[in-house]
């Protein structure tokens, strides 16, 4: 069973950058597409972006496109979310999720997510 642990969250100012890491245990991690989701206080969880199992494809929602970059190093069982030009509206708990379907993630669906990380808080001050 794959387990995911996120790290890298923190308090930053608008315009700053952060890199979140999602490290997995388990040898089958490289078979999964990985999505990043976030949940702001008082709001529903929303999909942010995803990366295919081999890193060959990535997808981002419009609100983060051009500012966020997802990458992965399967040899290290790790996926990263590089966040640049952060805005206060990016404040949320960020979760990584391992899914059997990149296509479903891109559709914004968590239906095929098999494993969630515990989340890491990102706070962006004005």
Protein backbone atom coordinates (compact mmCIF):
# COMPACT_ATOMS: atom_id res chain seq x y z
CA UNK A 1 0.00 0.00 0.00
CA UNK A 2 1.38 3.37 -1.00
CA UNK A 3 1.51 6.12 1.60
CA UNK A 4 2.04 9.79 0.77
CA UNK A 5 3.64 12.48 2.92
CA UNK A 6 3.60 16.12 1.90
CA UNK A 7 5.99 18.75 3.14
CA UNK A 8 7.16 22.24 2.29
CA UNK A 9 4.20 24.35 3.31
CA UNK A 10 4.55 27.54 5.27
CA UNK A 11 3.82 31.23 5.57
CA UNK A 12 5.02 33.42 2.72
CA UNK A 13 4.24 36.82 1.27
CA UNK A 14 2.45 37.49 -1.98
CA UNK A 15 4.83 37.10 -4.88
CA UNK A 16 7.02 34.57 -3.09
CA UNK A 17 7.65 30.96 -4.08
CA UNK A 18 7.30 27.62 -2.33
CA UNK A 19 8.00 24.08 -3.37
CA UNK A 20 5.85 21.34 -1.96
CA UNK A 21 7.07 17.76 -1.90
CA UNK A 22 5.03 14.59 -1.90
CA UNK A 23 7.10 11.56 -1.01
CA UNK A 24 5.71 8.06 -1.29
CA UNK A 25 6.50 4.80 0.33
CA UNK A 26 5.99 1.69 -1.71
CA UNK A 27 7.51 0.38 -4.89
CA UNK A 28 4.37 0.81 -7.01
CA UNK A 29 4.27 4.62 -6.73
CA UNK A 30 5.65 5.11 -10.22
CA UNK A 31 2.55 3.45 -11.66
CA UNK A 32 0.30 6.22 -10.39
CA UNK A 33 -0.67 9.55 -11.80
CA UNK A 34 -0.43 12.16 -9.07
CA UNK A 35 -2.74 15.07 -8.55
CA UNK A 36 -2.49 18.09 -6.34
CA UNK A 37 -5.64 19.38 -4.69
CA UNK A 38 -6.19 22.21 -2.24
CA UNK A 39 -8.81 23.23 0.25
CA UNK A 40 -9.11 26.79 1.45
CA UNK A 41 -10.82 27.59 4.77
CA UNK A 42 -14.57 27.30 4.42
CA UNK A 43 -14.37 26.09 0.84
CA UNK A 44 -14.60 22.79 -0.93
CA UNK A 45 -11.52 20.94 -2.04
CA UNK A 46 -10.47 21.87 -5.54
CA UNK A 47 -8.22 20.26 -8.11
CA UNK A 48 -5.02 22.14 -8.91
CA UNK A 49 -3.08 20.00 -11.35
CA UNK A 50 -1.79 16.56 -12.20
CA UNK A 51 1.15 14.69 -13.65
CA UNK A 52 1.11 11.43 -15.54
CA UNK A 53 2.90 8.38 -14.15
CA UNK A 54 5.96 8.92 -16.35
CA UNK A 55 6.02 12.69 -16.02
CA UNK A 56 5.31 13.03 -19.72
CA UNK A 57 2.13 15.05 -19.31
CA UNK A 58 1.03 17.70 -16.87
CA UNK A 59 -2.18 19.64 -16.50
CA UNK A 60 -3.10 22.74 -14.53
CA UNK A 61 -6.28 24.58 -13.81
CA UNK A 62 -6.46 28.09 -15.21
CA UNK A 63 -6.04 29.80 -11.86
CA UNK A 64 -2.51 28.42 -11.41
CA UNK A 65 -1.39 27.92 -15.00
CA UNK A 66 1.90 29.68 -15.64
CA UNK A 67 2.62 29.98 -11.91
CA UNK A 68 2.64 26.36 -10.69
CA UNK A 69 4.74 23.51 -12.02
CA UNK A 70 4.40 19.83 -11.20
CA UNK A 71 7.33 17.48 -11.64
CA UNK A 72 8.27 14.04 -10.42
CA UNK A 73 11.30 11.90 -9.75
CA UNK A 74 10.17 8.31 -9.73
CA UNK A 75 13.60 7.12 -8.66
CA UNK A 76 13.03 9.09 -5.45
CA UNK A 77 9.33 8.27 -5.19
CA UNK A 78 8.66 12.00 -5.17
CA UNK A 79 6.39 14.51 -6.82
CA UNK A 80 6.84 18.24 -6.47
CA UNK A 81 4.62 21.27 -6.76
CA UNK A 82 6.63 24.40 -7.48
CA UNK A 83 4.51 27.45 -6.74
CA UNK A 84 5.69 30.84 -7.96
CA UNK A 85 4.12 34.29 -7.82
CA UNK A 86 1.93 33.18 -4.96
CA UNK A 87 -1.26 35.08 -4.26
CA UNK A 88 -3.32 35.33 -1.06
CA UNK A 89 -6.04 33.32 -2.80
CA UNK A 90 -3.59 30.40 -3.00
CA UNK A 91 -3.87 30.03 0.77
CA UNK A 92 -5.06 26.49 1.47
CA UNK A 93 -4.14 23.06 2.69
CA UNK A 94 -2.51 21.28 -0.23
CA UNK A 95 -2.90 17.55 -0.74
CA UNK A 96 -1.21 15.19 -3.11
CA UNK A 97 -3.13 12.17 -4.31
CA UNK A 98 -2.16 9.01 -6.15
CA UNK A 99 -4.62 7.98 -8.81
CA UNK A 100 -4.94 5.12 -11.22
CA UNK A 101 -6.16 7.51 -13.91
CA UNK A 102 -4.48 10.69 -15.15
CA UNK A 103 -7.52 11.33 -17.34
CA UNK A 104 -9.87 11.30 -14.37
CA UNK A 105 -7.63 13.69 -12.47
CA UNK A 106 -7.53 16.08 -15.40
CA UNK A 107 -11.31 15.98 -15.43
CA UNK A 108 -11.13 17.21 -11.84
CA UNK A 109 -12.40 13.95 -10.45
CA UNK A 110 -11.01 12.32 -7.33
CA UNK A 111 -13.04 9.19 -8.04
CA UNK A 112 -9.96 7.14 -8.94
CA UNK A 113 -7.74 8.48 -6.17
CA UNK A 114 -6.46 5.56 -4.17
CA UNK A 115 -4.24 7.32 -1.66
CA UNK A 116 -4.24 10.82 -0.16
CA UNK A 117 -1.49 12.59 1.67
CA UNK A 118 -2.14 14.27 5.00
CA UNK A 119 -1.90 17.78 3.60
CA UNK A 120 0.42 20.72 4.14
CA UNK A 121 -0.72 24.26 4.89
CA UNK A 122 0.29 27.13 2.63
CA UNK A 123 -0.51 30.63 3.84
CA UNK A 124 0.12 33.62 1.60
CA UNK A 125 -0.06 37.04 3.21
CA UNK A 126 -0.88 40.18 1.17
